Each structure stands twice: as structure tokens, then as C-alpha cells.
Amino acid sequence: MGIEDKLPGVLLGTVEGVFGWLRQASFWPATMGLACCAIEMMAFGAPRFDSGRWGQEVFRASPRQADLMIVSGRVSQKMAPVIRQVYDQMPEPKWVLSMGACASSGGLFNNYAVVQGCDHFLPVDIYVPGCPPRPDMLIDAIFKLKKGEVQHNPAGKHIEAQARAAEAQALGAPSTLEMKELTR
């Protein structure tokens, strides 16, 4: 019916489409395991859940080789600038996954020492709820991130400027505490 039936052996697509497919086919996460959620993240790479089946078996210790940061566990006020520095060292394009209730909203630690969600200093792309979330929830979140943002992320000359604008927009959003005060 279409042109692909008339011309065998011809592949139709865009360069951005090819780059998107390549990016989503090989995710290299940088681990930021801070508490008990990190154990579930380690189980994600173990043989039972085997993240290697989807091209994610290589957890990177160097941020310069990673494109996904998984923040798992509670984030203290002292650790937040370190995490931000690791994020800034990652090359573009980069994504952030907040794993667990503590990384997403501070969890049950509502005190001066714990940041109430890593979205206060990082632009978070996807949240994984739970205390601690199961490895299969992490797998589902990574697949949703792959199909939603990674595959359709533009590749081009001005990708860094686009990323900075998106980060500024994400960090400019009101915090959960500000939202509570607005709804009162």
C-alpha cells in the first residue's frame, strides 16, 4: 500500500528518530543510593530482575558516562549540593528519576536535616512511589521514561539551550509546601 512496500530495503525516518531510538535502547544510569531504597535499586541489577535484558546493566560510577541519575533514599541538606554537582557533570541529554517516598517528598523525615524532595534542587523527570519501591516498579518507571521523554527528545545544535530552559522551568515550579499554602 505505502511507499515502503514499493521500495524494499529502504528505511524511512529522521535523524532525530534514529538518535531517539539509540538513546532509549541503551540507558546508562548513575547511581545515587542514599538509603534503604538503594537496596531495591541494587536488586534491579541482580539476576532476578536483570536490568541487562534492556541494555541497562552498566551502572556508571562516573557521571560523565551516565545519562540517567537515579536518586534513591532520603537526601540530607549536606548531600544536596554534592548530588547537584554530580548532576551538573553529566552530559546532555540527561534525566533524573526520583525513587522512593524520601527522595520524592522527604518521606516520614519532616525535619531540618532532610530535603523535602529532590525536586527542590534537581529537575525530576519521573517519580517512583513507595517505601521502598519494588524493583519491578523501577523497571516500569524506566520504561515509561524511555518511551515518553528519551525516545522523543530532540537532537540538534541547540540541545543544551533547550535543556537549560527546561531545567529552569522545572526548578521554577512551586514546591509542595508552597502548593499546600496556596490551597489553604
C-alpha atoms as a PDB file:
ATOM      1  CA  MET A   1       0.000   0.000   0.000  1.00  0.00           C
ATOM      2  CA  GLY A   2       2.599   2.578   1.038  1.00  0.00           C
ATOM      3  CA  ILE A   3       5.983   3.557  -0.284  1.00  0.00           C
ATOM      4  CA  GLU A   4       7.691   1.033   1.979  1.00  0.00           C
ATOM      5  CA  ASP A   5       6.030  -1.784   0.009  1.00  0.00           C
ATOM      6  CA  LYS A   6       7.210  -0.393  -3.323  1.00  0.00           C
ATOM      7  CA  LEU A   7      10.865   0.113  -2.298  1.00  0.00           C
ATOM      8  CA  PRO A   8      12.184  -2.955  -0.455  1.00  0.00           C
ATOM      9  CA  GLY A   9      15.319  -2.353   1.574  1.00  0.00           C
ATOM     10  CA  VAL A  10      14.720   1.375   2.065  1.00  0.00           C
ATOM     11  CA  LEU A  11      14.423   2.624   5.627  1.00  0.00           C
ATOM     12  CA  LEU A  12      12.417   5.778   6.156  1.00  0.00           C
ATOM     13  CA  GLY A  13      12.834   8.011   9.195  1.00  0.00           C
ATOM     14  CA  THR A  14      14.514  11.073  10.560  1.00  0.00           C
ATOM     15  CA  VAL A  15      17.915  11.527  12.127  1.00  0.00           C
ATOM     16  CA  GLU A  16      16.233  12.570  15.386  1.00  0.00           C
ATOM     17  CA  GLY A  17      14.177   9.383  15.287  1.00  0.00           C
ATOM     18  CA  VAL A  18      17.297   7.251  14.917  1.00  0.00           C
ATOM     19  CA  PHE A  19      19.077   9.094  17.728  1.00  0.00           C
ATOM     20  CA  GLY A  20      15.995   8.724  19.947  1.00  0.00           C
ATOM     21  CA  TRP A  21      15.831   5.001  19.292  1.00  0.00           C
ATOM     22  CA  LEU A  22      19.547   4.605  20.031  1.00  0.00           C
ATOM     23  CA  ARG A  23      19.252   6.578  23.264  1.00  0.00           C
ATOM     24  CA  GLN A  24      16.287   4.631  24.563  1.00  0.00           C
ATOM     25  CA  ALA A  25      17.917   1.328  23.649  1.00  0.00           C
ATOM     26  CA  SER A  26      20.905   1.912  25.943  1.00  0.00           C
ATOM     27  CA  PHE A  27      20.367   3.728  29.227  1.00  0.00           C
ATOM     28  CA  TRP A  28      23.393   4.098  31.496  1.00  0.00           C
ATOM     29  CA  PRO A  29      22.272   5.107  34.974  1.00  0.00           C
ATOM     30  CA  ALA A  30      24.408   6.912  37.537  1.00  0.00           C
ATOM     31  CA  THR A  31      23.535   5.615  40.964  1.00  0.00           C
ATOM     32  CA  MET A  32      22.888   7.899  43.872  1.00  0.00           C
ATOM     33  CA  GLY A  33      21.905   5.341  46.510  1.00  0.00           C
ATOM     34  CA  LEU A  34      21.464   7.166  49.794  1.00  0.00           C
ATOM     35  CA  ALA A  35      19.355   4.869  51.999  1.00  0.00           C
ATOM     36  CA  CYS A  36      17.203   1.741  52.025  1.00  0.00           C
ATOM     37  CA  CYS A  37      15.816   2.348  48.506  1.00  0.00           C
ATOM     38  CA  ALA A  38      19.325   1.722  47.199  1.00  0.00           C
ATOM     39  CA  ILE A  39      18.989  -1.952  48.163  1.00  0.00           C
ATOM     40  CA  GLU A  40      15.957  -2.258  45.897  1.00  0.00           C
ATOM     41  CA  MET A  41      17.894  -0.449  43.167  1.00  0.00           C
ATOM     42  CA  MET A  42      20.709  -2.987  43.568  1.00  0.00           C
ATOM     43  CA  ALA A  43      18.164  -5.791  43.250  1.00  0.00           C
ATOM     44  CA  PHE A  44      17.138  -4.214  39.933  1.00  0.00           C
ATOM     45  CA  GLY A  45      20.597  -5.075  38.575  1.00  0.00           C
ATOM     46  CA  ALA A  46      20.687  -8.552  40.173  1.00  0.00           C
ATOM     47  CA  PRO A  47      19.864 -11.767  38.254  1.00  0.00           C
ATOM     48  CA  ARG A  48      16.212 -11.962  39.371  1.00  0.00           C
ATOM     49  CA  PHE A  49      15.209  -8.688  37.700  1.00  0.00           C
ATOM     50  CA  ASP A  50      18.269  -8.455  35.396  1.00  0.00           C
ATOM     51  CA  SER A  51      18.393  -4.942  34.014  1.00  0.00           C
ATOM     52  CA  GLY A  52      20.886  -6.213  31.407  1.00  0.00           C
ATOM     53  CA  ARG A  53      17.984  -7.516  29.325  1.00  0.00           C
ATOM     54  CA  TRP A  54      17.148  -3.909  28.432  1.00  0.00           C
ATOM     55  CA  GLY A  55      20.664  -2.526  27.982  1.00  0.00           C
ATOM     56  CA  GLN A  56      20.914  -1.015  31.471  1.00  0.00           C
ATOM     57  CA  GLU A  57      23.297  -3.397  33.180  1.00  0.00           C
ATOM     58  CA  VAL A  58      26.088  -0.857  33.304  1.00  0.00           C
ATOM     59  CA  PHE A  59      25.619   1.294  36.386  1.00  0.00           C
ATOM     60  CA  ARG A  60      28.103   4.117  35.996  1.00  0.00           C
ATOM     61  CA  ALA A  61      30.157   5.450  38.896  1.00  0.00           C
ATOM     62  CA  SER A  62      31.376   8.332  36.738  1.00  0.00           C
ATOM     63  CA  PRO A  63      28.742  10.971  35.958  1.00  0.00           C
ATOM     64  CA  ARG A  64      30.479  11.767  32.663  1.00  0.00           C
ATOM     65  CA  GLN A  65      29.401   8.383  31.299  1.00  0.00           C
ATOM     66  CA  ALA A  66      25.803   8.373  32.547  1.00  0.00           C
ATOM     67  CA  ASP A  67      22.593   9.785  31.141  1.00  0.00           C
ATOM     68  CA  LEU A  68      20.131   8.853  33.918  1.00  0.00           C
ATOM     69  CA  MET A  69      20.509   9.703  37.603  1.00  0.00           C
ATOM     70  CA  ILE A  70      18.528   7.510  39.992  1.00  0.00           C
ATOM     71  CA  VAL A  71      18.177   9.294  43.338  1.00  0.00           C
ATOM     72  CA  SER A  72      17.080   6.658  45.830  1.00  0.00           C
ATOM     73  CA  GLY A  73      16.620   7.396  49.509  1.00  0.00           C
ATOM     74  CA  ARG A  74      16.474  10.410  51.771  1.00  0.00           C
ATOM     75  CA  VAL A  75      18.573  13.417  50.811  1.00  0.00           C
ATOM     76  CA  SER A  76      20.191  15.411  53.618  1.00  0.00           C
ATOM     77  CA  GLN A  77      20.892  19.130  53.408  1.00  0.00           C
ATOM     78  CA  LYS A  78      24.624  18.383  53.286  1.00  0.00           C
ATOM     79  CA  MET A  79      24.259  15.860  50.463  1.00  0.00           C
ATOM     80  CA  ALA A  80      22.073  18.022  48.185  1.00  0.00           C
ATOM     81  CA  PRO A  81      24.936  20.185  46.798  1.00  0.00           C
ATOM     82  CA  VAL A  82      27.004  17.059  46.119  1.00  0.00           C
ATOM     83  CA  ILE A  83      24.152  15.453  44.194  1.00  0.00           C
ATOM     84  CA  ARG A  84      23.671  18.671  42.230  1.00  0.00           C
ATOM     85  CA  GLN A  85      27.385  18.730  41.375  1.00  0.00           C
ATOM     86  CA  VAL A  86      27.203  15.139  40.095  1.00  0.00           C
ATOM     87  CA  TYR A  87      24.132  16.096  38.034  1.00  0.00           C
ATOM     88  CA  ASP A  88      25.947  19.103  36.550  1.00  0.00           C
ATOM     89  CA  GLN A  89      28.831  16.840  35.472  1.00  0.00           C
ATOM     90  CA  MET A  90      26.544  14.573  33.451  1.00  0.00           C
ATOM     91  CA  PRO A  91      26.489  15.241  29.680  1.00  0.00           C
ATOM     92  CA  GLU A  92      23.362  16.351  27.847  1.00  0.00           C
ATOM     93  CA  PRO A  93      20.789  14.893  27.394  1.00  0.00           C
ATOM     94  CA  LYS A  94      20.244  13.721  30.969  1.00  0.00           C
ATOM     95  CA  TRP A  95      17.293  12.594  33.031  1.00  0.00           C
ATOM     96  CA  VAL A  96      16.528  12.240  36.757  1.00  0.00           C
ATOM     97  CA  LEU A  97      14.442   9.511  38.392  1.00  0.00           C
ATOM     98  CA  SER A  98      13.352  10.048  41.998  1.00  0.00           C
ATOM     99  CA  MET A  99      12.971   6.653  43.675  1.00  0.00           C
ATOM    100  CA  GLY A 100      11.028   6.244  46.901  1.00  0.00           C
ATOM    101  CA  ALA A 101       8.960   8.430  49.193  1.00  0.00           C
ATOM    102  CA  CYS A 102      12.011  10.029  50.829  1.00  0.00           C
ATOM    103  CA  ALA A 103      13.609  11.160  47.570  1.00  0.00           C
ATOM    104  CA  SER A 104      10.266  12.322  46.195  1.00  0.00           C
ATOM    105  CA  SER A 105       8.803  14.167  49.192  1.00  0.00           C
ATOM    106  CA  GLY A 106      11.025  13.711  52.234  1.00  0.00           C
ATOM    107  CA  GLY A 107       9.062  10.682  53.388  1.00  0.00           C
ATOM    108  CA  LEU A 108       8.477  10.440  57.114  1.00  0.00           C
ATOM    109  CA  PHE A 109      11.531  12.602  57.830  1.00  0.00           C
ATOM    110  CA  ASN A 110       9.965  16.049  58.184  1.00  0.00           C
ATOM    111  CA  ASN A 111      12.829  17.845  59.914  1.00  0.00           C
ATOM    112  CA  TYR A 112      15.541  20.415  59.306  1.00  0.00           C
ATOM    113  CA  ALA A 113      18.181  17.926  58.127  1.00  0.00           C
ATOM    114  CA  VAL A 114      16.309  16.265  55.241  1.00  0.00           C
ATOM    115  CA  VAL A 115      15.387  17.927  51.951  1.00  0.00           C
ATOM    116  CA  GLN A 116      11.656  17.532  51.334  1.00  0.00           C
ATOM    117  CA  GLY A 117      12.034  16.094  47.847  1.00  0.00           C
ATOM    118  CA  CYS A 118      14.960  16.187  45.437  1.00  0.00           C
ATOM    119  CA  ASP A 119      12.865  18.295  43.064  1.00  0.00           C
ATOM    120  CA  HIS A 120      13.954  21.309  45.141  1.00  0.00           C
ATOM    121  CA  PHE A 121      17.418  21.186  43.551  1.00  0.00           C
ATOM    122  CA  LEU A 122      17.087  18.802  40.560  1.00  0.00           C
ATOM    123  CA  PRO A 123      14.660  18.753  37.625  1.00  0.00           C
ATOM    124  CA  VAL A 124      12.987  15.373  38.215  1.00  0.00           C
ATOM    125  CA  ASP A 125      11.556  13.646  35.142  1.00  0.00           C
ATOM    126  CA  ILE A 126       9.744  10.742  36.793  1.00  0.00           C
ATOM    127  CA  TYR A 127       8.830   9.693  40.331  1.00  0.00           C
ATOM    128  CA  VAL A 128       8.654   6.146  41.699  1.00  0.00           C
ATOM    129  CA  PRO A 129       6.427   5.991  44.811  1.00  0.00           C
ATOM    130  CA  GLY A 130       6.749   3.569  47.688  1.00  0.00           C
ATOM    131  CA  CYS A 131       8.736   2.931  50.820  1.00  0.00           C
ATOM    132  CA  PRO A 132      10.807   1.250  49.475  1.00  0.00           C
ATOM    133  CA  PRO A 133       9.558   0.738  45.927  1.00  0.00           C
ATOM    134  CA  ARG A 134       9.977  -2.701  44.428  1.00  0.00           C
ATOM    135  CA  PRO A 135      12.482  -3.267  41.596  1.00  0.00           C
ATOM    136  CA  ASP A 136       9.650  -4.007  39.177  1.00  0.00           C
ATOM    137  CA  MET A 137       8.271  -0.511  39.885  1.00  0.00           C
ATOM    138  CA  LEU A 138      11.681   0.892  38.948  1.00  0.00           C
ATOM    139  CA  ILE A 139      11.651  -1.158  35.737  1.00  0.00           C
ATOM    140  CA  ASP A 140       8.192   0.202  34.873  1.00  0.00           C
ATOM    141  CA  ALA A 141       9.284   3.785  35.554  1.00  0.00           C
ATOM    142  CA  ILE A 142      12.374   3.428  33.375  1.00  0.00           C
ATOM    143  CA  PHE A 143      10.270   2.025  30.511  1.00  0.00           C
ATOM    144  CA  LYS A 144       7.830   4.927  30.837  1.00  0.00           C
ATOM    145  CA  LEU A 145      10.724   7.376  30.819  1.00  0.00           C
ATOM    146  CA  LYS A 146      12.226   5.694  27.752  1.00  0.00           C
ATOM    147  CA  LYS A 147       9.036   5.742  25.718  1.00  0.00           C
ATOM    148  CA  GLY A 148       7.864   9.151  26.896  1.00  0.00           C
ATOM    149  CA  GLU A 149      10.828  11.503  27.010  1.00  0.00           C
ATOM    150  CA  VAL A 150      14.002   9.788  25.891  1.00  0.00           C
ATOM    151  CA  GLN A 151      12.841   8.480  22.546  1.00  0.00           C
ATOM    152  CA  HIS A 152      11.173  11.758  21.544  1.00  0.00           C
ATOM    153  CA  ASN A 153      13.864  14.125  22.858  1.00  0.00           C
ATOM    154  CA  PRO A 154      15.149  16.382  20.081  1.00  0.00           C
ATOM    155  CA  ALA A 155      18.717  16.005  18.899  1.00  0.00           C
ATOM    156  CA  GLY A 156      20.283  19.016  17.330  1.00  0.00           C
ATOM    157  CA  LYS A 157      22.518  22.009  17.522  1.00  0.00           C
ATOM    158  CA  HIS A 158      20.700  23.813  20.324  1.00  0.00           C
ATOM    159  CA  ILE A 159      20.028  20.851  22.623  1.00  0.00           C
ATOM    160  CA  GLU A 160      21.954  22.360  25.539  1.00  0.00           C
ATOM    161  CA  ALA A 161      19.967  25.604  25.406  1.00  0.00           C
ATOM    162  CA  GLN A 162      16.728  23.600  25.282  1.00  0.00           C
ATOM    163  CA  ALA A 163      17.855  21.544  28.263  1.00  0.00           C
ATOM    164  CA  ARG A 164      18.745  24.649  30.301  1.00  0.00           C
ATOM    165  CA  ALA A 165      15.345  26.197  29.536  1.00  0.00           C
ATOM    166  CA  ALA A 166      13.517  23.008  30.557  1.00  0.00           C
ATOM    167  CA  GLU A 167      15.576  22.778  33.749  1.00  0.00           C
ATOM    168  CA  ALA A 168      14.837  26.396  34.669  1.00  0.00           C
ATOM    169  CA  GLN A 169      11.134  25.786  34.082  1.00  0.00           C
ATOM    170  CA  ALA A 170      11.150  22.608  36.214  1.00  0.00           C
ATOM    171  CA  LEU A 171      13.034  24.216  39.083  1.00  0.00           C
ATOM    172  CA  GLY A 172      10.840  27.327  38.926  1.00  0.00           C
ATOM    173  CA  ALA A 173       7.721  25.336  39.770  1.00  0.00           C
ATOM    174  CA  PRO A 174       6.311  25.896  43.256  1.00  0.00           C
ATOM    175  CA  SER A 175       7.340  23.373  45.895  1.00  0.00           C
ATOM    176  CA  THR A 176       4.846  21.053  47.568  1.00  0.00           C
ATOM    177  CA  LEU A 177       4.926  23.219  50.704  1.00  0.00           C
ATOM    178  CA  GLU A 178       4.106  26.326  48.662  1.00  0.00           C
ATOM    179  CA  MET A 179       1.257  24.436  46.964  1.00  0.00           C
ATOM    180  CA  LYS A 180      -0.195  23.497  50.367  1.00  0.00           C
ATOM    181  CA  GLU A 181      -0.100  27.128  51.449  1.00  0.00           C
ATOM    182  CA  LEU A 182      -1.776  28.252  48.215  1.00  0.00           C
ATOM    183  CA  THR A 183      -4.658  25.814  48.663  1.00  0.00           C
ATOM    184  CA  ARG A 184      -5.438  26.959  52.216  1.00  0.00           C
END
